Amino acid sequence: MIHGRTLNLSQLTLAISAAFISGTTAAQSPDANHETLVVTGNPLQMTEVVIDADQLDKRQANDLSDIFRADPEVSIGGGSSVSQKIYVRGLEDNMLNVTIDGATQSGNIYHHQGRLSIEPELLQQVEVAAGAGRATNGPGALGGTIRFKTKNPEDLLRNGERYGAW
C-alpha cells in the first residue's frame, strides 16, 4: 500500500519490485524511515467458454460454425459441414484435445474432410479452454481443449414422456 493505495501488479513487476526493494534496503542505514509497500496480485485466469443447450437452441446451430459463432477465439474453416476444421487462436484442431463424451477424437475422417462431424441438436454442452496450461486438458492440448457433451436419451423426451419415436 503506497500512501493508502493498493496496487495490482503482474508477476514480473512483483519480481522486479522485490529485487529493487531488497537492493535499496541493504544500502540504507538501519535508522532510515521506511515506507510500507504492500503488493497484491491476481492469478491468471484461464480462458474458458461454456456453451449450453439453451444457447445452441437460441443460435439455431446447424454446424460447427454456428456453434462457435459468438466466440472470437474459435474460428471454423472450410465450406461444407463435412469439411469444416476448428481453429482455436489460430491453431488447428490436430493441436487441440477434442473429446466427445470423454472419447478423444483423433485422426481425420477422410483426406480433405475435417476430423470432427457432430450434430449440434444432440449437444448438451460445449466447453472450450483456449491455450495450454491445465494438466486435465490431457495429451495433445497444445492450443487448448474442446469438450463436447451429448444429450442423454431422457433429454430428447418432452416432460412426462417415457418413450419417443419419429
Protein backbone atom coordinates (compact mmCIF):
# COMPACT_ATOMS: atom_id res chain seq x y z
CA MET A 1 0.00 0.00 0.00
CA ILE A 2 1.56 3.31 -1.07
CA HIS A 3 0.02 6.36 0.57
CA GLY A 4 -3.24 4.45 1.14
CA ARG A 5 -3.46 2.97 -2.40
CA THR A 6 -3.41 -0.75 -3.16
CA LEU A 7 -1.54 -1.77 -6.32
CA ASN A 8 -2.37 -4.77 -8.54
CA LEU A 9 0.75 -5.82 -10.44
CA SER A 10 1.80 -8.67 -12.70
CA GLN A 11 4.20 -11.39 -11.54
CA LEU A 12 7.11 -9.86 -13.49
CA THR A 13 6.51 -6.48 -11.90
CA LEU A 14 6.36 -8.16 -8.49
CA ALA A 15 9.74 -9.82 -9.06
CA ILE A 16 11.36 -6.57 -10.23
CA SER A 17 9.86 -4.67 -7.29
CA ALA A 18 11.11 -7.26 -4.81
CA ALA A 19 14.63 -7.11 -6.27
CA PHE A 20 14.61 -3.32 -6.21
CA ILE A 21 13.33 -3.15 -2.64
CA SER A 22 15.85 -5.69 -1.35
CA GLY A 23 18.69 -3.82 -3.11
CA THR A 24 17.72 -0.42 -1.75
CA THR A 25 17.17 -1.58 1.84
CA ALA A 26 20.64 -3.12 2.01
CA ALA A 27 22.25 0.19 1.01
CA GLN A 28 20.35 2.28 3.59
CA SER A 29 21.21 2.60 7.22
CA PRO A 30 19.09 0.73 9.75
CA ASP A 31 17.92 4.06 11.23
CA ALA A 32 16.26 5.28 7.99
CA ASN A 33 12.46 5.61 7.88
CA HIS A 34 10.89 3.12 5.52
CA GLU A 35 7.56 3.27 3.79
CA THR A 36 5.46 0.15 3.88
CA LEU A 37 4.77 -1.29 0.44
CA VAL A 38 2.08 -3.96 0.09
CA VAL A 39 1.96 -5.56 -3.35
CA THR A 40 -1.01 -7.72 -4.33
CA GLY A 41 -1.58 -9.72 -7.45
CA ASN A 42 -4.32 -11.76 -9.06
CA PRO A 43 -3.72 -15.21 -10.54
CA LEU A 44 -4.07 -15.51 -14.28
CA GLN A 45 -7.45 -16.87 -15.28
CA MET A 46 -7.77 -19.49 -17.98
CA THR A 47 -9.99 -18.54 -20.87
CA GLU A 48 -12.88 -20.94 -20.78
CA VAL A 49 -16.10 -20.74 -22.75
CA VAL A 50 -19.11 -22.89 -21.92
CA ILE A 51 -21.98 -23.14 -24.40
CA ASP A 52 -25.06 -24.95 -23.13
CA ALA A 53 -28.06 -26.48 -24.91
CA ASP A 54 -30.20 -23.34 -24.44
CA GLN A 55 -27.59 -21.18 -26.16
CA LEU A 56 -27.35 -23.69 -29.01
CA ASP A 57 -31.13 -23.62 -29.42
CA LYS A 58 -31.16 -19.81 -29.49
CA ARG A 59 -28.40 -19.78 -32.14
CA GLN A 60 -30.25 -22.43 -34.16
CA ALA A 61 -26.92 -24.15 -34.75
CA ASN A 62 -26.72 -26.39 -37.79
CA ASP A 63 -22.96 -26.93 -37.98
CA LEU A 64 -19.69 -26.13 -36.19
CA SER A 65 -19.56 -22.52 -37.41
CA ASP A 66 -22.99 -21.88 -35.87
CA ILE A 67 -21.91 -23.39 -32.54
CA PHE A 68 -18.91 -21.08 -32.18
CA ARG A 69 -20.40 -18.02 -33.90
CA ALA A 70 -20.23 -15.82 -30.75
CA ASP A 71 -16.77 -16.96 -29.57
CA PRO A 72 -13.94 -14.88 -31.09
CA GLU A 73 -11.21 -17.32 -30.02
CA VAL A 74 -12.66 -20.16 -32.06
CA SER A 75 -12.88 -19.96 -35.84
CA ILE A 76 -14.12 -22.54 -38.30
CA GLY A 77 -12.55 -23.07 -41.70
CA GLY A 78 -13.96 -24.95 -44.67
CA GLY A 79 -17.08 -24.69 -46.73
CA SER A 80 -19.50 -27.52 -46.13
CA SER A 81 -20.21 -29.08 -42.76
CA VAL A 82 -18.17 -32.21 -43.57
CA SER A 83 -15.04 -30.25 -44.45
CA GLN A 84 -15.05 -27.84 -41.51
CA LYS A 85 -12.00 -27.63 -39.28
CA ILE A 86 -11.78 -25.99 -35.88
CA TYR A 87 -9.11 -23.41 -35.07
CA VAL A 88 -8.57 -22.08 -31.54
CA ARG A 89 -6.44 -18.95 -31.54
CA GLY A 90 -5.15 -19.94 -34.98
CA LEU A 91 -4.12 -23.49 -34.02
CA GLU A 92 -5.79 -26.29 -35.98
CA ASP A 93 -7.77 -28.99 -34.20
CA ASN A 94 -4.92 -31.52 -34.50
CA MET A 95 -3.09 -29.40 -31.87
CA LEU A 96 -6.14 -29.46 -29.59
CA ASN A 97 -7.54 -32.15 -27.37
CA VAL A 98 -11.03 -32.63 -28.81
CA THR A 99 -13.32 -35.02 -26.95
CA ILE A 100 -16.92 -36.15 -27.32
CA ASP A 101 -18.30 -37.53 -24.05
CA GLY A 102 -14.71 -38.08 -22.92
CA ALA A 103 -13.64 -40.02 -26.03
CA THR A 104 -10.68 -38.38 -27.79
CA GLN A 105 -11.28 -37.55 -31.45
CA SER A 106 -8.05 -38.23 -33.29
CA GLY A 107 -7.15 -38.65 -36.93
CA ASN A 108 -9.07 -37.49 -39.99
CA ILE A 109 -12.31 -38.84 -41.34
CA TYR A 110 -11.04 -38.68 -44.92
CA HIS A 111 -8.39 -36.79 -46.88
CA HIS A 112 -9.75 -33.21 -47.15
CA GLN A 113 -12.54 -33.55 -44.66
CA GLY A 114 -12.49 -32.31 -41.09
CA ARG A 115 -11.81 -34.73 -38.29
CA LEU A 116 -14.98 -33.86 -36.42
CA SER A 117 -18.54 -34.40 -37.53
CA ILE A 118 -21.20 -33.75 -34.92
CA GLU A 119 -24.88 -32.81 -34.94
CA PRO A 120 -25.45 -29.64 -32.85
CA GLU A 121 -29.01 -30.70 -31.95
CA LEU A 122 -27.58 -33.62 -29.98
CA LEU A 123 -25.21 -31.48 -27.91
CA GLN A 124 -25.92 -30.70 -24.29
CA GLN A 125 -22.80 -28.62 -23.65
CA VAL A 126 -19.58 -27.48 -25.31
CA GLU A 127 -16.56 -26.36 -23.26
CA VAL A 128 -13.60 -24.57 -24.84
CA ALA A 129 -10.41 -23.95 -22.84
CA ALA A 130 -8.11 -21.88 -25.06
CA GLY A 131 -4.36 -22.05 -24.56
CA ALA A 132 -2.13 -24.61 -22.93
CA GLY A 133 -1.99 -24.82 -19.20
CA ARG A 134 -4.10 -27.36 -17.36
CA ALA A 135 -2.96 -30.91 -16.80
CA THR A 136 -6.60 -32.00 -17.01
CA ASN A 137 -6.72 -30.90 -20.66
CA GLY A 138 -4.99 -34.17 -21.49
CA PRO A 139 -2.34 -35.05 -24.04
CA GLY A 140 -2.06 -33.13 -27.29
CA ALA A 141 -3.65 -29.98 -25.88
CA LEU A 142 -1.03 -27.55 -27.15
CA GLY A 143 -3.64 -24.98 -28.13
CA GLY A 144 -6.28 -25.97 -25.59
CA THR A 145 -9.17 -28.36 -25.39
CA ILE A 146 -12.71 -28.64 -26.69
CA ARG A 147 -15.10 -30.91 -24.82
CA PHE A 148 -18.42 -31.85 -26.41
CA LYS A 149 -21.04 -33.43 -24.16
CA THR A 150 -24.04 -35.01 -25.87
CA LYS A 151 -27.58 -35.18 -24.55
CA ASN A 152 -28.89 -38.22 -22.70
CA PRO A 153 -31.87 -40.06 -24.20
CA GLU A 154 -34.09 -38.59 -21.46
CA ASP A 155 -33.11 -35.09 -22.62
CA LEU A 156 -34.70 -35.78 -26.01
CA LEU A 157 -38.13 -36.56 -24.49
CA ARG A 158 -40.72 -33.97 -23.54
CA ASN A 159 -41.79 -33.56 -19.93
CA GLY A 160 -43.85 -36.51 -18.76
CA GLU A 161 -42.94 -38.74 -21.74
CA ARG A 162 -41.31 -42.11 -21.15
CA TYR A 163 -40.62 -43.04 -24.78
CA GLY A 164 -40.46 -41.33 -28.15
CA ALA A 165 -40.40 -42.07 -31.86
CA TRP A 166 -40.01 -40.16 -35.14
